[in-house]
Amino acid sequence: MNDARDSSRPEIPAAGDSTALRRLLRLMADLRDPGRGCAWDVRQTFSTIVPYTIEEAYEVADAVARGDRDDLRDELGDLLLQVVFHARMAEEEGAFAFDDVAKAIGDKLVRRHPHVFDADGTPLPAGSALRDPAQVEAQWAAIKAQERAARDPGAAAPDPLGGVARALPALARAEKISRRAAAYGFDWGNAAQVIDKVREETDEVAEALAAGDPQALSEEIGDLLFSVANLARHAGIDPETALRDGTAKFERRFAAMAEHLKAAGGELGRSDLAALEAAWQAAKRDERQP
């Protein structure tokens, strides 16, 4: 090994070597103890915990979006608890333990980054890594396909777009599926071409709406949303974040609109569209003012 290269690397402890992590694992084991643990924790199963796992992931995303580092620390802790909870239940079944989870992801990171690590996980010299993110994604997808083939040599050829979790939010899954297809070269050349596709899909939505065909309308709106997810990807924007921010903006303006209505003697649910529109424009003007 290159000693000079290794000398700058911090010592990375094994998963169970962290005092704080050992404490967390012990607390989880105590909570799950049938005789002296918490009745709620003991009763949980993988299925009942999954909704909390998903919720905590979204709360992490929310803390990041708000730039609140203190809250992010707490939410990451909540998300880590979910991993520890699942691992503890698996350990009780004799399936695997937390250290197995940590080792598996560590091994996967090394295996899927041959441009960064030696086979033993030692970083390669500076300049060895791929610099094109698209090439990195293509390499990642190829290594995943090799792993699937190695696990089941007799299986049929894997679905090239397989492996994207169906439990993902539809917009996020659309972006990920389109990114996977792009890694195979099936993609538009630039964002302007995607905008043309969005316009085409909008026209098809209008045609389906005019035809009064609910099934066709649903299909065309789905195509439109998929095209918008592609547009976000080409623009370097996360579509879930963009939609979440757009919804938050609408909520903020709607609340301000209600205040403008109230100041003018109006009320939500009792004002006509013209009054609502005037209050809405006033709310937008308020946001533009320094």
C-alpha atoms as a PDB file:
ATOM      1  CA  MET A   1       0.000   0.000   0.000  1.00  0.00           C
ATOM      2  CA  ASN A   2       0.971   3.625  -0.448  1.00  0.00           C
ATOM      3  CA  ASP A   3       1.744   4.748   3.107  1.00  0.00           C
ATOM      4  CA  ALA A   4       1.773   8.411   2.147  1.00  0.00           C
ATOM      5  CA  ARG A   5      -1.692   8.044   0.731  1.00  0.00           C
ATOM      6  CA  ASP A   6      -2.972   6.232   3.823  1.00  0.00           C
ATOM      7  CA  SER A   7      -1.451   8.632   6.367  1.00  0.00           C
ATOM      8  CA  SER A   8      -4.069  11.314   5.728  1.00  0.00           C
ATOM      9  CA  ARG A   9      -7.037   8.967   6.139  1.00  0.00           C
ATOM     10  CA  PRO A  10      -8.948   9.139   9.422  1.00  0.00           C
ATOM     11  CA  GLU A  11      -9.356   5.855  11.254  1.00  0.00           C
ATOM     12  CA  ILE A  12     -12.868   4.593  10.528  1.00  0.00           C
ATOM     13  CA  PRO A  13     -14.276   2.463  13.353  1.00  0.00           C
ATOM     14  CA  ALA A  14     -16.329  -0.660  12.788  1.00  0.00           C
ATOM     15  CA  ALA A  15     -20.082  -0.179  13.106  1.00  0.00           C
ATOM     16  CA  GLY A  16     -20.200  -1.412  16.702  1.00  0.00           C
ATOM     17  CA  ASP A  17     -17.167   0.600  17.900  1.00  0.00           C
ATOM     18  CA  SER A  18     -18.932   3.945  18.345  1.00  0.00           C
ATOM     19  CA  THR A  19     -19.973   4.555  21.941  1.00  0.00           C
ATOM     20  CA  ALA A  20     -23.034   6.534  20.872  1.00  0.00           C
ATOM     21  CA  LEU A  21     -24.046   3.870  18.370  1.00  0.00           C
ATOM     22  CA  ARG A  22     -23.512   1.043  20.863  1.00  0.00           C
ATOM     23  CA  ARG A  23     -25.758   2.918  23.294  1.00  0.00           C
ATOM     24  CA  LEU A  24     -28.457   3.346  20.644  1.00  0.00           C
ATOM     25  CA  LEU A  25     -28.357  -0.346  19.734  1.00  0.00           C
ATOM     26  CA  ARG A  26     -28.582  -1.306  23.411  1.00  0.00           C
ATOM     27  CA  LEU A  27     -31.519   1.055  23.983  1.00  0.00           C
ATOM     28  CA  MET A  28     -33.355  -0.457  21.032  1.00  0.00           C
ATOM     29  CA  ALA A  29     -32.760  -3.965  22.352  1.00  0.00           C
ATOM     30  CA  ASP A  30     -34.112  -2.894  25.754  1.00  0.00           C
ATOM     31  CA  LEU A  31     -37.199  -1.318  24.201  1.00  0.00           C
ATOM     32  CA  ARG A  32     -37.912  -4.546  22.296  1.00  0.00           C
ATOM     33  CA  ASP A  33     -37.394  -6.788  25.345  1.00  0.00           C
ATOM     34  CA  PRO A  34     -40.676  -8.725  25.793  1.00  0.00           C
ATOM     35  CA  GLY A  35     -40.380  -8.786  29.570  1.00  0.00           C
ATOM     36  CA  ARG A  36     -39.272  -5.266  30.466  1.00  0.00           C
ATOM     37  CA  GLY A  37     -39.446  -3.253  27.262  1.00  0.00           C
ATOM     38  CA  CYS A  38     -41.995  -0.775  25.886  1.00  0.00           C
ATOM     39  CA  ALA A  39     -45.330  -2.378  24.981  1.00  0.00           C
ATOM     40  CA  TRP A  40     -45.631  -0.244  21.835  1.00  0.00           C
ATOM     41  CA  ASP A  41     -42.131  -1.035  20.569  1.00  0.00           C
ATOM     42  CA  VAL A  42     -42.495  -4.750  21.306  1.00  0.00           C
ATOM     43  CA  ARG A  43     -45.726  -4.900  19.298  1.00  0.00           C
ATOM     44  CA  GLN A  44     -44.243  -3.385  16.122  1.00  0.00           C
ATOM     45  CA  THR A  45     -43.420  -5.351  12.959  1.00  0.00           C
ATOM     46  CA  PHE A  46     -41.583  -4.476   9.758  1.00  0.00           C
ATOM     47  CA  SER A  47     -44.906  -3.593   8.122  1.00  0.00           C
ATOM     48  CA  THR A  48     -46.102  -1.315  10.919  1.00  0.00           C
ATOM     49  CA  ILE A  49     -42.772   0.535  11.109  1.00  0.00           C
ATOM     50  CA  VAL A  50     -42.391   1.211   7.359  1.00  0.00           C
ATOM     51  CA  PRO A  51     -44.782   4.216   7.320  1.00  0.00           C
ATOM     52  CA  TYR A  52     -42.680   5.858  10.040  1.00  0.00           C
ATOM     53  CA  THR A  53     -39.506   5.139   8.072  1.00  0.00           C
ATOM     54  CA  ILE A  54     -40.930   6.882   5.014  1.00  0.00           C
ATOM     55  CA  GLU A  55     -42.192   9.800   7.098  1.00  0.00           C
ATOM     56  CA  GLU A  56     -38.791  10.313   8.734  1.00  0.00           C
ATOM     57  CA  ALA A  57     -37.082  10.384   5.325  1.00  0.00           C
ATOM     58  CA  TYR A  58     -39.420  13.176   4.247  1.00  0.00           C
ATOM     59  CA  GLU A  59     -38.747  15.078   7.464  1.00  0.00           C
ATOM     60  CA  VAL A  60     -35.027  14.907   6.711  1.00  0.00           C
ATOM     61  CA  ALA A  61     -35.747  16.351   3.262  1.00  0.00           C
ATOM     62  CA  ASP A  62     -37.840  19.115   4.834  1.00  0.00           C
ATOM     63  CA  ALA A  63     -35.057  20.070   7.258  1.00  0.00           C
ATOM     64  CA  VAL A  64     -32.605  20.241   4.354  1.00  0.00           C
ATOM     65  CA  ALA A  65     -34.996  22.419   2.341  1.00  0.00           C
ATOM     66  CA  ARG A  66     -35.362  24.809   5.294  1.00  0.00           C
ATOM     67  CA  GLY A  67     -31.622  24.937   5.871  1.00  0.00           C
ATOM     68  CA  ASP A  68     -32.154  24.124   9.559  1.00  0.00           C
ATOM     69  CA  ARG A  69     -29.032  22.215  10.596  1.00  0.00           C
ATOM     70  CA  ASP A  70     -30.164  21.667  14.193  1.00  0.00           C
ATOM     71  CA  ASP A  71     -33.411  20.148  12.986  1.00  0.00           C
ATOM     72  CA  LEU A  72     -31.508  18.157  10.359  1.00  0.00           C
ATOM     73  CA  ARG A  73     -29.363  16.619  13.100  1.00  0.00           C
ATOM     74  CA  ASP A  74     -32.486  15.575  15.006  1.00  0.00           C
ATOM     75  CA  GLU A  75     -34.285  14.263  11.926  1.00  0.00           C
ATOM     76  CA  LEU A  76     -31.247  12.246  10.848  1.00  0.00           C
ATOM     77  CA  GLY A  77     -31.294  10.724  14.322  1.00  0.00           C
ATOM     78  CA  ASP A  78     -34.952   9.817  13.871  1.00  0.00           C
ATOM     79  CA  LEU A  79     -34.132   8.230  10.514  1.00  0.00           C
ATOM     80  CA  LEU A  80     -31.206   6.323  12.024  1.00  0.00           C
ATOM     81  CA  LEU A  81     -33.584   5.017  14.680  1.00  0.00           C
ATOM     82  CA  GLN A  82     -35.688   3.523  11.911  1.00  0.00           C
ATOM     83  CA  VAL A  83     -32.667   1.632  10.554  1.00  0.00           C
ATOM     84  CA  VAL A  84     -31.796   0.422  14.051  1.00  0.00           C
ATOM     85  CA  PHE A  85     -35.426  -0.627  14.641  1.00  0.00           C
ATOM     86  CA  HIS A  86     -35.593  -2.701  11.450  1.00  0.00           C
ATOM     87  CA  ALA A  87     -32.172  -4.238  12.130  1.00  0.00           C
ATOM     88  CA  ARG A  88     -33.179  -5.180  15.676  1.00  0.00           C
ATOM     89  CA  MET A  89     -36.333  -6.948  14.491  1.00  0.00           C
ATOM     90  CA  ALA A  90     -34.272  -8.815  11.880  1.00  0.00           C
ATOM     91  CA  GLU A  91     -31.746  -9.818  14.529  1.00  0.00           C
ATOM     92  CA  GLU A  92     -34.549 -11.199  16.701  1.00  0.00           C
ATOM     93  CA  GLU A  93     -35.562 -13.390  13.742  1.00  0.00           C
ATOM     94  CA  GLY A  94     -31.973 -14.522  13.241  1.00  0.00           C
ATOM     95  CA  ALA A  95     -31.889 -12.924   9.771  1.00  0.00           C
ATOM     96  CA  PHE A  96     -29.183 -10.255  10.179  1.00  0.00           C
ATOM     97  CA  ALA A  97     -27.987  -7.584  12.613  1.00  0.00           C
ATOM     98  CA  PHE A  98     -27.071  -3.911  12.401  1.00  0.00           C
ATOM     99  CA  ASP A  99     -23.391  -4.646  11.754  1.00  0.00           C
ATOM    100  CA  ASP A 100     -24.414  -6.782   8.779  1.00  0.00           C
ATOM    101  CA  VAL A 101     -26.329  -3.796   7.382  1.00  0.00           C
ATOM    102  CA  ALA A 102     -23.342  -1.476   7.867  1.00  0.00           C
ATOM    103  CA  LYS A 103     -20.909  -3.973   6.353  1.00  0.00           C
ATOM    104  CA  ALA A 104     -23.169  -4.634   3.369  1.00  0.00           C
ATOM    105  CA  ILE A 105     -23.477  -0.967   2.445  1.00  0.00           C
ATOM    106  CA  GLY A 106     -19.750  -0.408   2.994  1.00  0.00           C
ATOM    107  CA  ASP A 107     -18.911  -3.322   0.705  1.00  0.00           C
ATOM    108  CA  LYS A 108     -21.398  -2.053  -1.871  1.00  0.00           C
ATOM    109  CA  LEU A 109     -19.868   1.441  -1.877  1.00  0.00           C
ATOM    110  CA  VAL A 110     -16.424  -0.022  -2.538  1.00  0.00           C
ATOM    111  CA  ARG A 111     -17.711  -2.442  -5.181  1.00  0.00           C
ATOM    112  CA  ARG A 112     -19.685   0.198  -7.072  1.00  0.00           C
ATOM    113  CA  HIS A 113     -16.936   2.827  -7.020  1.00  0.00           C
ATOM    114  CA  PRO A 114     -13.999   1.063  -8.698  1.00  0.00           C
ATOM    115  CA  HIS A 115     -12.919   4.500  -9.948  1.00  0.00           C
ATOM    116  CA  VAL A 116     -12.446   5.672  -6.330  1.00  0.00           C
ATOM    117  CA  PHE A 117     -11.414   2.589  -4.305  1.00  0.00           C
ATOM    118  CA  ASP A 118      -9.147  -0.437  -4.562  1.00  0.00           C
ATOM    119  CA  ALA A 119     -10.842  -3.771  -3.926  1.00  0.00           C
ATOM    120  CA  ASP A 120      -9.965  -3.455  -0.220  1.00  0.00           C
ATOM    121  CA  GLY A 121     -11.538  -0.005   0.060  1.00  0.00           C
ATOM    122  CA  THR A 122      -8.330   2.038  -0.087  1.00  0.00           C
ATOM    123  CA  PRO A 123      -8.792   5.286  -2.055  1.00  0.00           C
ATOM    124  CA  LEU A 124      -7.026   5.378  -5.399  1.00  0.00           C
ATOM    125  CA  PRO A 125      -4.561   8.166  -6.178  1.00  0.00           C
ATOM    126  CA  ALA A 126      -5.939  11.600  -7.032  1.00  0.00           C
ATOM    127  CA  GLY A 127      -7.020  11.849 -10.641  1.00  0.00           C
ATOM    128  CA  SER A 128      -8.151   8.232 -10.913  1.00  0.00           C
ATOM    129  CA  ALA A 129     -11.861   8.968 -10.450  1.00  0.00           C
ATOM    130  CA  LEU A 130     -14.307   9.479 -13.296  1.00  0.00           C
ATOM    131  CA  ARG A 131     -15.286  13.125 -13.549  1.00  0.00           C
ATOM    132  CA  ASP A 132     -18.383  12.798 -15.722  1.00  0.00           C
ATOM    133  CA  PRO A 133     -21.467  12.085 -13.551  1.00  0.00           C
ATOM    134  CA  ALA A 134     -23.225  10.447 -16.509  1.00  0.00           C
ATOM    135  CA  GLN A 135     -20.349   7.969 -16.899  1.00  0.00           C
ATOM    136  CA  VAL A 136     -20.459   7.252 -13.170  1.00  0.00           C
ATOM    137  CA  GLU A 137     -24.205   6.537 -13.352  1.00  0.00           C
ATOM    138  CA  ALA A 138     -23.734   4.249 -16.363  1.00  0.00           C
ATOM    139  CA  GLN A 139     -20.954   2.368 -14.549  1.00  0.00           C
ATOM    140  CA  TRP A 140     -23.139   2.067 -11.421  1.00  0.00           C
ATOM    141  CA  ALA A 141     -26.015   0.619 -13.471  1.00  0.00           C
ATOM    142  CA  ALA A 142     -23.672  -1.852 -15.212  1.00  0.00           C
ATOM    143  CA  ILE A 143     -22.216  -3.055 -11.902  1.00  0.00           C
ATOM    144  CA  LYS A 144     -25.734  -3.500 -10.466  1.00  0.00           C
ATOM    145  CA  ALA A 145     -26.660  -5.615 -13.501  1.00  0.00           C
ATOM    146  CA  GLN A 146     -23.529  -7.743 -12.993  1.00  0.00           C
ATOM    147  CA  GLU A 147     -24.437  -8.230  -9.328  1.00  0.00           C
ATOM    148  CA  ARG A 148     -27.943  -9.385 -10.217  1.00  0.00           C
ATOM    149  CA  ALA A 149     -26.567 -11.825 -12.793  1.00  0.00           C
ATOM    150  CA  ALA A 150     -24.049 -13.196 -10.281  1.00  0.00           C
ATOM    151  CA  ARG A 151     -26.781 -13.777  -7.678  1.00  0.00           C
ATOM    152  CA  ASP A 152     -28.950 -15.730 -10.113  1.00  0.00           C
ATOM    153  CA  PRO A 153     -26.938 -16.923 -13.141  1.00  0.00           C
ATOM    154  CA  GLY A 154     -29.869 -18.876 -14.582  1.00  0.00           C
ATOM    155  CA  ALA A 155     -32.344 -16.007 -14.447  1.00  0.00           C
ATOM    156  CA  ALA A 156     -33.703 -14.341 -17.543  1.00  0.00           C
ATOM    157  CA  ALA A 157     -32.093 -11.094 -18.628  1.00  0.00           C
ATOM    158  CA  PRO A 158     -32.936  -8.475 -16.013  1.00  0.00           C
ATOM    159  CA  ASP A 159     -35.331  -5.668 -16.738  1.00  0.00           C
ATOM    160  CA  PRO A 160     -33.065  -2.749 -17.760  1.00  0.00           C
ATOM    161  CA  LEU A 161     -35.303  -0.363 -15.826  1.00  0.00           C
ATOM    162  CA  GLY A 162     -35.919  -2.747 -12.937  1.00  0.00           C
ATOM    163  CA  GLY A 163     -34.933  -2.140  -9.351  1.00  0.00           C
ATOM    164  CA  VAL A 164     -36.537   1.284  -8.950  1.00  0.00           C
ATOM    165  CA  ALA A 165     -38.727   0.996  -5.858  1.00  0.00           C
ATOM    166  CA  ARG A 166     -42.433   1.141  -6.629  1.00  0.00           C
ATOM    167  CA  ALA A 167     -43.034   2.669  -3.200  1.00  0.00           C
ATOM    168  CA  LEU A 168     -41.313   5.884  -4.275  1.00  0.00           C
ATOM    169  CA  PRO A 169     -43.558   8.907  -4.850  1.00  0.00           C
ATOM    170  CA  ALA A 170     -44.737   8.775  -8.468  1.00  0.00           C
ATOM    171  CA  LEU A 171     -42.920  11.965  -9.518  1.00  0.00           C
ATOM    172  CA  ALA A 172     -39.633  10.865  -7.945  1.00  0.00           C
ATOM    173  CA  ARG A 173     -39.947   7.419  -9.517  1.00  0.00           C
ATOM    174  CA  ALA A 174     -40.630   8.962 -12.937  1.00  0.00           C
ATOM    175  CA  GLU A 175     -37.443  11.018 -12.674  1.00  0.00           C
ATOM    176  CA  LYS A 176     -35.419   7.988 -11.616  1.00  0.00           C
ATOM    177  CA  ILE A 177     -36.830   5.771 -14.372  1.00  0.00           C
ATOM    178  CA  SER A 178     -36.061   8.435 -16.987  1.00  0.00           C
ATOM    179  CA  ARG A 179     -32.536   8.828 -15.585  1.00  0.00           C
ATOM    180  CA  ARG A 180     -32.052   5.057 -15.847  1.00  0.00           C
ATOM    181  CA  ALA A 181     -33.208   5.107 -19.495  1.00  0.00           C
ATOM    182  CA  ALA A 182     -30.897   8.050 -20.200  1.00  0.00           C
ATOM    183  CA  ALA A 183     -27.942   5.987 -18.950  1.00  0.00           C
ATOM    184  CA  TYR A 184     -28.602   3.681 -21.930  1.00  0.00           C
ATOM    185  CA  GLY A 185     -28.589   6.647 -24.320  1.00  0.00           C
ATOM    186  CA  PHE A 186     -32.373   6.911 -24.677  1.00  0.00           C
ATOM    187  CA  ASP A 187     -32.842  10.603 -23.974  1.00  0.00           C
ATOM    188  CA  TRP A 188     -33.422  14.037 -25.426  1.00  0.00           C
ATOM    189  CA  GLY A 189     -30.391  16.082 -26.388  1.00  0.00           C
ATOM    190  CA  ASN A 190     -31.246  19.124 -24.295  1.00  0.00           C
ATOM    191  CA  ALA A 191     -33.914  20.756 -22.142  1.00  0.00           C
ATOM    192  CA  ALA A 192     -35.360  22.709 -25.081  1.00  0.00           C
ATOM    193  CA  GLN A 193     -36.315  19.436 -26.777  1.00  0.00           C
ATOM    194  CA  VAL A 194     -38.028  18.285 -23.601  1.00  0.00           C
ATOM    195  CA  ILE A 195     -40.038  21.521 -23.499  1.00  0.00           C
ATOM    196  CA  ASP A 196     -41.259  20.701 -27.024  1.00  0.00           C
ATOM    197  CA  LYS A 197     -42.346  17.302 -25.693  1.00  0.00           C
ATOM    198  CA  VAL A 198     -44.156  18.950 -22.780  1.00  0.00           C
ATOM    199  CA  ARG A 199     -46.046  21.172 -25.238  1.00  0.00           C
ATOM    200  CA  GLU A 200     -46.923  18.142 -27.356  1.00  0.00           C
ATOM    201  CA  GLU A 201     -48.267  16.299 -24.314  1.00  0.00           C
ATOM    202  CA  THR A 202     -50.245  19.382 -23.231  1.00  0.00           C
ATOM    203  CA  ASP A 203     -51.937  19.449 -26.634  1.00  0.00           C
ATOM    204  CA  GLU A 204     -52.811  15.768 -26.266  1.00  0.00           C
ATOM    205  CA  VAL A 205     -54.304  16.439 -22.846  1.00  0.00           C
ATOM    206  CA  ALA A 206     -56.470  19.146 -24.394  1.00  0.00           C
ATOM    207  CA  GLU A 207     -57.617  16.757 -27.133  1.00  0.00           C
ATOM    208  CA  ALA A 208     -58.537  14.065 -24.605  1.00  0.00           C
ATOM    209  CA  LEU A 209     -60.379  16.620 -22.486  1.00  0.00           C
ATOM    210  CA  ALA A 210     -62.357  17.808 -25.516  1.00  0.00           C
ATOM    211  CA  ALA A 211     -63.180  14.210 -26.436  1.00  0.00           C
ATOM    212  CA  GLY A 212     -64.616  13.581 -22.976  1.00  0.00           C
ATOM    213  CA  ASP A 213     -62.701  10.313 -22.552  1.00  0.00           C
ATOM    214  CA  PRO A 214     -61.701   9.936 -18.865  1.00  0.00           C
ATOM    215  CA  GLN A 215     -59.361   6.989 -19.471  1.00  0.00           C
ATOM    216  CA  ALA A 216     -57.533   8.746 -22.304  1.00  0.00           C
ATOM    217  CA  LEU A 217     -57.384  11.940 -20.256  1.00  0.00           C
ATOM    218  CA  SER A 218     -55.793  10.118 -17.320  1.00  0.00           C
ATOM    219  CA  GLU A 219     -53.235   8.524 -19.630  1.00  0.00           C
ATOM    220  CA  GLU A 220     -52.348  11.809 -21.310  1.00  0.00           C
ATOM    221  CA  ILE A 221     -52.003  13.658 -17.992  1.00  0.00           C
ATOM    222  CA  GLY A 222     -49.676  10.847 -16.888  1.00  0.00           C
ATOM    223  CA  ASP A 223     -47.604  11.348 -20.051  1.00  0.00           C
ATOM    224  CA  LEU A 224     -47.494  15.089 -19.371  1.00  0.00           C
ATOM    225  CA  LEU A 225     -46.312  14.611 -15.801  1.00  0.00           C
ATOM    226  CA  PHE A 226     -43.659  12.129 -16.945  1.00  0.00           C
ATOM    227  CA  SER A 227     -42.415  14.673 -19.498  1.00  0.00           C
ATOM    228  CA  VAL A 228     -42.280  17.367 -16.804  1.00  0.00           C
ATOM    229  CA  ALA A 229     -40.188  15.022 -14.628  1.00  0.00           C
ATOM    230  CA  ASN A 230     -37.815  14.633 -17.586  1.00  0.00           C
ATOM    231  CA  LEU A 231     -37.663  18.405 -17.994  1.00  0.00           C
ATOM    232  CA  ALA A 232     -36.730  18.804 -14.327  1.00  0.00           C
ATOM    233  CA  ARG A 233     -33.976  16.207 -14.722  1.00  0.00           C
ATOM    234  CA  HIS A 234     -32.517  17.980 -17.755  1.00  0.00           C
ATOM    235  CA  ALA A 235     -32.628  21.288 -15.887  1.00  0.00           C
ATOM    236  CA  GLY A 236     -30.849  19.780 -12.875  1.00  0.00           C
ATOM    237  CA  ILE A 237     -33.910  20.245 -10.658  1.00  0.00           C
ATOM    238  CA  ASP A 238     -35.336  17.634  -8.317  1.00  0.00           C
ATOM    239  CA  PRO A 239     -39.023  17.441  -9.316  1.00  0.00           C
ATOM    240  CA  GLU A 240     -40.212  16.398  -5.842  1.00  0.00           C
ATOM    241  CA  THR A 241     -38.474  19.401  -4.278  1.00  0.00           C
ATOM    242  CA  ALA A 242     -39.767  21.728  -6.978  1.00  0.00           C
ATOM    243  CA  LEU A 243     -43.350  20.543  -6.509  1.00  0.00           C
ATOM    244  CA  ARG A 244     -43.047  20.689  -2.723  1.00  0.00           C
ATOM    245  CA  ASP A 245     -41.729  24.265  -2.939  1.00  0.00           C
ATOM    246  CA  GLY A 246     -44.426  25.221  -5.436  1.00  0.00           C
ATOM    247  CA  THR A 247     -47.119  23.837  -3.148  1.00  0.00           C
ATOM    248  CA  ALA A 248     -45.646  25.711  -0.176  1.00  0.00           C
ATOM    249  CA  LYS A 249     -45.683  28.910  -2.217  1.00  0.00           C
ATOM    250  CA  PHE A 250     -49.333  28.373  -3.084  1.00  0.00           C
ATOM    251  CA  GLU A 251     -50.176  27.773   0.596  1.00  0.00           C
ATOM    252  CA  ARG A 252     -48.346  30.949   1.598  1.00  0.00           C
ATOM    253  CA  ARG A 253     -50.058  33.063  -1.033  1.00  0.00           C
ATOM    254  CA  PHE A 254     -53.468  31.567  -0.313  1.00  0.00           C
ATOM    255  CA  ALA A 255     -53.140  32.514   3.354  1.00  0.00           C
ATOM    256  CA  ALA A 256     -52.079  36.039   2.349  1.00  0.00           C
ATOM    257  CA  MET A 257     -55.009  36.217  -0.079  1.00  0.00           C
ATOM    258  CA  ALA A 258     -57.392  35.395   2.771  1.00  0.00           C
ATOM    259  CA  GLU A 259     -55.896  38.233   4.808  1.00  0.00           C
ATOM    260  CA  HIS A 260     -56.364  40.688   1.920  1.00  0.00           C
ATOM    261  CA  LEU A 261     -59.972  39.568   1.532  1.00  0.00           C
ATOM    262  CA  LYS A 262     -60.590  40.062   5.242  1.00  0.00           C
ATOM    263  CA  ALA A 263     -59.034  43.537   5.146  1.00  0.00           C
ATOM    264  CA  ALA A 264     -61.395  44.435   2.276  1.00  0.00           C
ATOM    265  CA  GLY A 265     -64.427  43.139   4.145  1.00  0.00           C
ATOM    266  CA  GLY A 266     -64.549  39.849   2.239  1.00  0.00           C
ATOM    267  CA  GLU A 267     -64.295  36.244   3.288  1.00  0.00           C
ATOM    268  CA  LEU A 268     -63.177  32.963   1.783  1.00  0.00           C
ATOM    269  CA  GLY A 269     -66.135  30.989   0.503  1.00  0.00           C
ATOM    270  CA  ARG A 270     -68.284  34.125   0.272  1.00  0.00           C
ATOM    271  CA  SER A 271     -66.345  36.213  -2.264  1.00  0.00           C
ATOM    272  CA  ASP A 272     -66.705  36.061  -6.038  1.00  0.00           C
ATOM    273  CA  LEU A 273     -63.853  35.064  -8.356  1.00  0.00           C
ATOM    274  CA  ALA A 274     -63.006  38.661  -9.241  1.00  0.00           C
ATOM    275  CA  ALA A 275     -62.470  39.526  -5.558  1.00  0.00           C
ATOM    276  CA  LEU A 276     -60.415  36.375  -5.048  1.00  0.00           C
ATOM    277  CA  GLU A 277     -58.233  37.179  -8.054  1.00  0.00           C
ATOM    278  CA  ALA A 278     -57.672  40.748  -6.863  1.00  0.00           C
ATOM    279  CA  ALA A 279     -56.649  39.515  -3.419  1.00  0.00           C
ATOM    280  CA  TRP A 280     -54.398  36.893  -5.005  1.00  0.00           C
ATOM    281  CA  GLN A 281     -52.591  39.502  -7.098  1.00  0.00           C
ATOM    282  CA  ALA A 282     -52.187  41.659  -3.995  1.00  0.00           C
ATOM    283  CA  ALA A 283     -50.600  38.705  -2.182  1.00  0.00           C
ATOM    284  CA  LYS A 284     -48.175  38.232  -5.086  1.00  0.00           C
ATOM    285  CA  ARG A 285     -47.270  41.928  -5.013  1.00  0.00           C
ATOM    286  CA  ASP A 286     -46.540  41.666  -1.293  1.00  0.00           C
ATOM    287  CA  GLU A 287     -43.978  38.922  -1.973  1.00  0.00           C
ATOM    288  CA  ARG A 288     -42.190  41.027  -4.575  1.00  0.00           C
ATOM    289  CA  GLN A 289     -41.759  43.953  -2.200  1.00  0.00           C
ATOM    290  CA  PRO A 290     -38.355  44.059  -0.416  1.00  0.00           C
END
